[in-house]
Amino acid sequence: MDMVPEAALAVPNEEALAAERQVREDQIRYAEAAVSGIRSILTGAQFYRLRQYCIEGKTESEITEAEGVTQQAVSKSLVSALKKRENF
C-alpha cells in the first residue's frame, strides 16, 4: 500500500464527477451537431459509421464486427466522410 500514490486512492467528489459528466455531454452535443450538419453530403453508411466512430467512440474494428463488413470498407468509408467534411 505504501507504493500507491495517495491521489490514486482519493475518491472523486460529486462536484468533480458532475463537472466531468457535463464536459462529456457538451462534447457529445458538439459532435452530434457537427455530424448532423454534414448528413446531407454523406451516404447512409458514411453517416452511420462516422457517428459511431466520432460520437459513440467505437473503433473501426467494433464497427466492422457489428456490420459484418471488412475493416477496409469501414476505413475507406470513414476517410471519405472525413474528406467530405473538410470540403463542407
N, C-alpha and C. Protein backbone atom coordinates (compact mmCIF):
# COMPACT_ATOMS: atom_id res chain seq x y z
N MET A 1 0.81 -1.19 0.00
CA MET A 1 0.00 0.00 0.00
C MET A 1 0.86 1.26 0.00
N ASP A 2 2.08 1.16 0.50
CA ASP A 2 2.95 2.33 0.55
C ASP A 2 3.36 2.79 -0.84
N MET A 3 3.28 1.92 -1.85
CA MET A 3 3.75 2.26 -3.18
C MET A 3 2.68 2.95 -4.02
N VAL A 4 1.44 2.94 -3.57
CA VAL A 4 0.35 3.56 -4.32
C VAL A 4 0.27 5.04 -3.95
N PRO A 5 0.32 5.93 -4.94
CA PRO A 5 0.24 7.36 -4.65
C PRO A 5 -1.09 7.69 -3.96
N GLU A 6 -1.04 8.62 -3.05
CA GLU A 6 -2.23 9.00 -2.30
C GLU A 6 -3.36 9.48 -3.21
N ALA A 7 -3.00 10.18 -4.28
CA ALA A 7 -4.01 10.69 -5.20
C ALA A 7 -4.79 9.56 -5.87
N ALA A 8 -4.15 8.42 -6.07
CA ALA A 8 -4.82 7.29 -6.70
C ALA A 8 -5.88 6.69 -5.79
N LEU A 9 -5.74 6.90 -4.50
CA LEU A 9 -6.70 6.36 -3.54
C LEU A 9 -7.85 7.31 -3.27
N ALA A 10 -7.73 8.54 -3.72
CA ALA A 10 -8.75 9.55 -3.47
C ALA A 10 -10.01 9.24 -4.28
N VAL A 11 -11.14 9.41 -3.64
CA VAL A 11 -12.43 9.20 -4.31
C VAL A 11 -12.89 10.56 -4.84
N PRO A 12 -13.20 10.63 -6.14
CA PRO A 12 -13.64 11.92 -6.69
C PRO A 12 -14.92 12.39 -6.01
N ASN A 13 -15.00 13.68 -5.75
CA ASN A 13 -16.21 14.19 -5.11
C ASN A 13 -17.31 14.37 -6.14
N GLU A 14 -18.52 14.55 -5.66
CA GLU A 14 -19.69 14.68 -6.54
C GLU A 14 -19.56 15.85 -7.50
N GLU A 15 -18.98 16.95 -7.02
CA GLU A 15 -18.80 18.13 -7.87
C GLU A 15 -17.90 17.83 -9.06
N ALA A 16 -16.80 17.14 -8.79
CA ALA A 16 -15.86 16.79 -9.86
C ALA A 16 -16.51 15.84 -10.85
N LEU A 17 -17.25 14.87 -10.35
CA LEU A 17 -17.93 13.93 -11.23
C LEU A 17 -18.99 14.63 -12.08
N ALA A 18 -19.72 15.55 -11.48
CA ALA A 18 -20.73 16.29 -12.23
C ALA A 18 -20.09 17.16 -13.31
N ALA A 19 -18.96 17.77 -12.98
CA ALA A 19 -18.26 18.60 -13.95
C ALA A 19 -17.75 17.75 -15.12
N GLU A 20 -17.19 16.59 -14.83
CA GLU A 20 -16.72 15.69 -15.88
C GLU A 20 -17.87 15.23 -16.76
N ARG A 21 -18.98 14.90 -16.14
CA ARG A 21 -20.17 14.45 -16.87
C ARG A 21 -20.67 15.56 -17.79
N GLN A 22 -20.66 16.80 -17.31
CA GLN A 22 -21.12 17.94 -18.11
C GLN A 22 -20.21 18.17 -19.31
N VAL A 23 -18.91 18.07 -19.09
CA VAL A 23 -17.95 18.23 -20.19
C VAL A 23 -18.20 17.18 -21.25
N ARG A 24 -18.39 15.92 -20.83
CA ARG A 24 -18.63 14.84 -21.79
C ARG A 24 -19.94 15.07 -22.55
N GLU A 25 -20.99 15.49 -21.85
CA GLU A 25 -22.27 15.76 -22.50
C GLU A 25 -22.13 16.90 -23.52
N ASP A 26 -21.37 17.93 -23.17
CA ASP A 26 -21.12 19.04 -24.10
C ASP A 26 -20.36 18.55 -25.33
N GLN A 27 -19.38 17.68 -25.14
CA GLN A 27 -18.61 17.14 -26.25
C GLN A 27 -19.51 16.32 -27.18
N ILE A 28 -20.39 15.54 -26.59
CA ILE A 28 -21.30 14.72 -27.40
C ILE A 28 -22.25 15.61 -28.18
N ARG A 29 -22.80 16.64 -27.56
CA ARG A 29 -23.71 17.56 -28.27
C ARG A 29 -22.99 18.25 -29.43
N TYR A 30 -21.76 18.67 -29.21
CA TYR A 30 -20.99 19.33 -30.25
C TYR A 30 -20.73 18.36 -31.41
N ALA A 31 -20.33 17.15 -31.09
CA ALA A 31 -20.05 16.15 -32.12
C ALA A 31 -21.31 15.80 -32.89
N GLU A 32 -22.43 15.65 -32.19
CA GLU A 32 -23.69 15.35 -32.87
C GLU A 32 -24.09 16.47 -33.82
N ALA A 33 -23.91 17.71 -33.39
CA ALA A 33 -24.25 18.85 -34.25
C ALA A 33 -23.35 18.88 -35.48
N ALA A 34 -22.07 18.61 -35.28
CA ALA A 34 -21.13 18.63 -36.40
C ALA A 34 -21.45 17.52 -37.40
N VAL A 35 -21.73 16.33 -36.89
CA VAL A 35 -22.03 15.21 -37.77
C VAL A 35 -23.37 15.42 -38.46
N SER A 36 -24.37 15.88 -37.73
CA SER A 36 -25.68 16.11 -38.32
C SER A 36 -25.64 17.20 -39.38
N GLY A 37 -24.79 18.19 -39.18
CA GLY A 37 -24.67 19.28 -40.14
C GLY A 37 -24.19 18.84 -41.51
N ILE A 38 -23.46 17.75 -41.57
CA ILE A 38 -22.95 17.28 -42.85
C ILE A 38 -23.70 16.05 -43.36
N ARG A 39 -24.75 15.69 -42.68
CA ARG A 39 -25.50 14.48 -43.03
C ARG A 39 -25.94 14.48 -44.50
N SER A 40 -26.32 15.63 -45.00
CA SER A 40 -26.85 15.70 -46.36
C SER A 40 -25.81 15.38 -47.44
N ILE A 41 -24.52 15.46 -47.11
CA ILE A 41 -23.50 15.19 -48.12
C ILE A 41 -22.88 13.81 -47.97
N LEU A 42 -23.32 13.05 -46.97
CA LEU A 42 -22.77 11.71 -46.74
C LEU A 42 -23.76 10.64 -47.18
N THR A 43 -23.22 9.48 -47.54
CA THR A 43 -24.10 8.33 -47.78
C THR A 43 -24.61 7.85 -46.42
N GLY A 44 -25.61 7.01 -46.45
CA GLY A 44 -26.14 6.47 -45.20
C GLY A 44 -25.08 5.74 -44.40
N ALA A 45 -24.28 4.92 -45.09
CA ALA A 45 -23.23 4.16 -44.41
C ALA A 45 -22.17 5.10 -43.82
N GLN A 46 -21.78 6.11 -44.58
CA GLN A 46 -20.78 7.06 -44.08
C GLN A 46 -21.29 7.77 -42.83
N PHE A 47 -22.53 8.22 -42.89
CA PHE A 47 -23.10 8.93 -41.74
C PHE A 47 -23.14 8.03 -40.52
N TYR A 48 -23.65 6.82 -40.69
CA TYR A 48 -23.75 5.88 -39.58
C TYR A 48 -22.38 5.58 -38.98
N ARG A 49 -21.42 5.30 -39.85
CA ARG A 49 -20.08 4.95 -39.37
C ARG A 49 -19.38 6.12 -38.72
N LEU A 50 -19.53 7.31 -39.28
CA LEU A 50 -18.92 8.50 -38.69
C LEU A 50 -19.51 8.78 -37.32
N ARG A 51 -20.81 8.62 -37.20
CA ARG A 51 -21.47 8.82 -35.91
C ARG A 51 -20.98 7.81 -34.87
N GLN A 52 -20.90 6.55 -35.29
CA GLN A 52 -20.41 5.51 -34.38
C GLN A 52 -18.98 5.81 -33.93
N TYR A 53 -18.17 6.24 -34.87
CA TYR A 53 -16.75 6.48 -34.60
C TYR A 53 -16.53 7.73 -33.76
N CYS A 54 -17.13 8.84 -34.18
CA CYS A 54 -16.88 10.13 -33.52
C CYS A 54 -17.69 10.35 -32.25
N ILE A 55 -18.92 9.93 -32.25
CA ILE A 55 -19.79 10.24 -31.12
C ILE A 55 -19.81 9.11 -30.10
N GLU A 56 -19.96 7.90 -30.58
CA GLU A 56 -20.05 6.77 -29.65
C GLU A 56 -18.70 6.20 -29.28
N GLY A 57 -17.65 6.67 -29.96
CA GLY A 57 -16.30 6.27 -29.59
C GLY A 57 -15.94 4.84 -29.97
N LYS A 58 -16.65 4.28 -30.93
CA LYS A 58 -16.35 2.92 -31.35
C LYS A 58 -15.13 2.91 -32.26
N THR A 59 -14.41 1.82 -32.21
CA THR A 59 -13.24 1.67 -33.08
C THR A 59 -13.69 1.13 -34.44
N GLU A 60 -12.79 1.21 -35.41
CA GLU A 60 -13.10 0.65 -36.72
C GLU A 60 -13.40 -0.85 -36.59
N SER A 61 -12.66 -1.52 -35.74
CA SER A 61 -12.87 -2.96 -35.55
C SER A 61 -14.26 -3.25 -34.97
N GLU A 62 -14.70 -2.44 -34.04
CA GLU A 62 -16.03 -2.64 -33.45
C GLU A 62 -17.13 -2.40 -34.49
N ILE A 63 -16.95 -1.39 -35.32
CA ILE A 63 -17.93 -1.11 -36.38
C ILE A 63 -17.94 -2.25 -37.38
N THR A 64 -16.75 -2.71 -37.75
CA THR A 64 -16.60 -3.83 -38.69
C THR A 64 -17.34 -5.06 -38.18
N GLU A 65 -17.11 -5.39 -36.94
CA GLU A 65 -17.72 -6.57 -36.35
C GLU A 65 -19.25 -6.44 -36.29
N ALA A 66 -19.73 -5.28 -35.91
CA ALA A 66 -21.18 -5.06 -35.80
C ALA A 66 -21.87 -5.13 -37.16
N GLU A 67 -21.20 -4.65 -38.20
CA GLU A 67 -21.80 -4.61 -39.54
C GLU A 67 -21.53 -5.86 -40.36
N GLY A 68 -20.53 -6.62 -39.97
CA GLY A 68 -20.18 -7.80 -40.74
C GLY A 68 -19.55 -7.47 -42.08
N VAL A 69 -18.79 -6.38 -42.13
CA VAL A 69 -18.10 -5.97 -43.34
C VAL A 69 -16.60 -5.99 -43.07
N THR A 70 -15.82 -5.72 -44.10
CA THR A 70 -14.37 -5.72 -43.92
C THR A 70 -13.91 -4.43 -43.24
N GLN A 71 -12.76 -4.52 -42.61
CA GLN A 71 -12.17 -3.34 -41.98
C GLN A 71 -11.84 -2.30 -43.05
N GLN A 72 -11.43 -2.77 -44.22
CA GLN A 72 -11.10 -1.86 -45.32
C GLN A 72 -12.33 -1.05 -45.73
N ALA A 73 -13.50 -1.68 -45.76
CA ALA A 73 -14.73 -0.97 -46.15
C ALA A 73 -15.04 0.14 -45.15
N VAL A 74 -14.90 -0.17 -43.86
CA VAL A 74 -15.18 0.83 -42.82
C VAL A 74 -14.15 1.94 -42.89
N SER A 75 -12.90 1.60 -43.04
CA SER A 75 -11.83 2.60 -43.09
C SER A 75 -12.02 3.54 -44.27
N LYS A 76 -12.27 2.99 -45.46
CA LYS A 76 -12.47 3.82 -46.65
C LYS A 76 -13.68 4.73 -46.47
N SER A 77 -14.73 4.20 -45.88
CA SER A 77 -15.95 4.98 -45.67
C SER A 77 -15.68 6.16 -44.74
N LEU A 78 -14.95 5.91 -43.66
CA LEU A 78 -14.63 6.98 -42.71
C LEU A 78 -13.71 8.03 -43.33
N VAL A 79 -12.71 7.58 -44.08
CA VAL A 79 -11.79 8.52 -44.72
C VAL A 79 -12.56 9.40 -45.70
N SER A 80 -13.43 8.79 -46.49
CA SER A 80 -14.23 9.53 -47.46
C SER A 80 -15.14 10.53 -46.76
N ALA A 81 -15.78 10.11 -45.68
CA ALA A 81 -16.67 11.00 -44.93
C ALA A 81 -15.89 12.18 -44.35
N LEU A 82 -14.71 11.92 -43.83
CA LEU A 82 -13.90 13.00 -43.26
C LEU A 82 -13.42 13.97 -44.32
N LYS A 83 -13.10 13.46 -45.51
CA LYS A 83 -12.71 14.35 -46.61
C LYS A 83 -13.88 15.23 -47.04
N LYS A 84 -15.06 14.64 -47.11
CA LYS A 84 -16.25 15.42 -47.46
C LYS A 84 -16.49 16.51 -46.41
N ARG A 85 -16.27 16.16 -45.15
CA ARG A 85 -16.45 17.13 -44.06
C ARG A 85 -15.49 18.30 -44.21
N GLU A 86 -14.26 18.03 -44.61
CA GLU A 86 -13.27 19.09 -44.79
C GLU A 86 -13.70 20.07 -45.89
N ASN A 87 -14.38 19.57 -46.90
CA ASN A 87 -14.81 20.38 -48.01
C ASN A 87 -16.18 21.01 -47.81
N PHE A 88 -16.80 20.74 -46.70
CA PHE A 88 -18.16 21.20 -46.43
C PHE A 88 -18.19 22.68 -46.10
